[in-house]
């Protein structure tokens, strides 16, 4: 069973630690890569939405080798609580 992609992004960050849009996309490509919504602009939107909803924090930002902005995010306590409250049991972190 696939989770809604935004929920899976949150879970991925929780289980891998500090993440960028590119690292999340690389990590989820096998699961979601064939879906039409699997685009960088959509993943930027997912990450910004999770940040604005207080579920992840922005840690740092820098330019990559191609002068593209890379923002690093990490999950916070509210994000972990959200996973444990709303995701199906097999995806929870409090087991």
Protein backbone atom coordinates (compact mmCIF):
# COMPACT_ATOMS: atom_id res chain seq x y z
CA UNK A 1 0.00 0.00 0.00
CA UNK A 2 1.39 3.36 -1.03
CA UNK A 3 0.90 6.29 1.28
CA UNK A 4 -0.19 9.65 -0.11
CA UNK A 5 3.05 11.10 -1.38
CA UNK A 6 3.22 14.03 1.07
CA UNK A 7 2.81 11.63 4.00
CA UNK A 8 5.52 9.42 2.53
CA UNK A 9 7.84 12.44 2.17
CA UNK A 10 7.34 13.21 5.85
CA UNK A 11 8.00 9.59 6.82
CA UNK A 12 11.08 9.43 4.60
CA UNK A 13 12.59 12.52 6.25
CA UNK A 14 11.82 11.04 9.68
CA UNK A 15 13.64 7.81 8.91
CA UNK A 16 16.63 9.20 7.00
CA UNK A 17 17.42 12.44 8.81
CA UNK A 18 18.55 15.63 7.11
CA UNK A 19 17.09 15.71 3.59
CA UNK A 20 16.88 17.89 0.51
CA UNK A 21 14.29 17.77 -2.26
CA UNK A 22 16.78 15.85 -4.42
CA UNK A 23 17.62 13.31 -1.73
CA UNK A 24 13.94 12.66 -0.98
CA UNK A 25 13.19 12.21 -4.67
CA UNK A 26 16.13 9.83 -5.06
CA UNK A 27 14.94 7.84 -2.05
CA UNK A 28 11.34 7.60 -3.21
CA UNK A 29 11.95 7.13 -6.93
CA UNK A 30 11.51 3.35 -6.78
CA UNK A 31 8.12 3.67 -5.03
CA UNK A 32 6.64 6.74 -6.75
CA UNK A 33 8.85 7.41 -9.79
CA UNK A 34 6.29 6.29 -12.35
CA UNK A 35 3.55 8.56 -11.02
CA UNK A 36 2.75 11.73 -12.93
CA UNK A 37 3.05 13.85 -9.78
CA UNK A 38 6.69 12.74 -9.30
CA UNK A 39 8.28 16.05 -10.36
CA UNK A 40 10.75 18.37 -8.72
CA UNK A 41 8.28 21.31 -8.56
CA UNK A 42 5.76 19.06 -6.77
CA UNK A 43 8.38 17.87 -4.29
CA UNK A 44 9.44 21.46 -3.59
CA UNK A 45 5.77 22.17 -2.88
CA UNK A 46 5.49 19.13 -0.58
CA UNK A 47 8.56 20.17 1.42
CA UNK A 48 7.45 23.81 1.69
CA UNK A 49 3.98 22.74 2.78
CA UNK A 50 5.38 20.40 5.45
CA UNK A 51 7.60 23.24 6.69
CA UNK A 52 4.78 25.79 6.75
CA UNK A 53 2.58 23.33 8.65
CA UNK A 54 5.28 23.01 11.31
CA UNK A 55 6.16 19.36 10.61
CA UNK A 56 9.73 19.83 9.37
CA UNK A 57 12.35 22.49 10.01
CA UNK A 58 14.70 24.20 7.60
CA UNK A 59 18.25 23.59 8.78
CA UNK A 60 20.43 25.24 6.17
CA UNK A 61 20.63 26.30 2.56
CA UNK A 62 23.37 26.59 -0.02
CA UNK A 63 23.94 26.55 -3.75
CA UNK A 64 24.89 23.28 -5.43
CA UNK A 65 27.52 22.95 -8.17
CA UNK A 66 24.99 24.19 -10.75
CA UNK A 67 23.99 27.24 -8.64
CA UNK A 68 20.64 25.68 -7.71
CA UNK A 69 19.36 26.38 -4.23
CA UNK A 70 19.58 23.33 -1.94
CA UNK A 71 17.66 23.54 1.33
CA UNK A 72 18.21 20.94 4.04
CA UNK A 73 15.26 19.92 6.20
CA UNK A 74 14.82 17.69 9.22
CA UNK A 75 11.73 16.42 10.99
CA UNK A 76 10.70 17.93 14.30
CA UNK A 77 8.66 16.62 17.22
CA UNK A 78 5.36 17.77 15.71
CA UNK A 79 6.16 15.87 12.51
CA UNK A 80 6.90 12.69 14.46
CA UNK A 81 3.69 13.12 16.45
CA UNK A 82 1.74 13.55 13.20
CA UNK A 83 3.20 10.35 11.76
CA UNK A 84 2.33 8.41 14.90
CA UNK A 85 -1.18 9.83 15.07
CA UNK A 86 -2.33 9.75 11.45
CA UNK A 87 -0.36 7.19 9.45
CA UNK A 88 -1.35 3.52 9.30
CA UNK A 89 0.13 1.40 12.08
CA UNK A 90 2.91 -0.15 9.97
CA UNK A 91 4.27 3.34 9.15
CA UNK A 92 4.31 4.66 12.72
CA UNK A 93 7.56 5.37 14.52
CA UNK A 94 6.39 4.63 18.07
CA UNK A 95 6.19 0.86 17.73
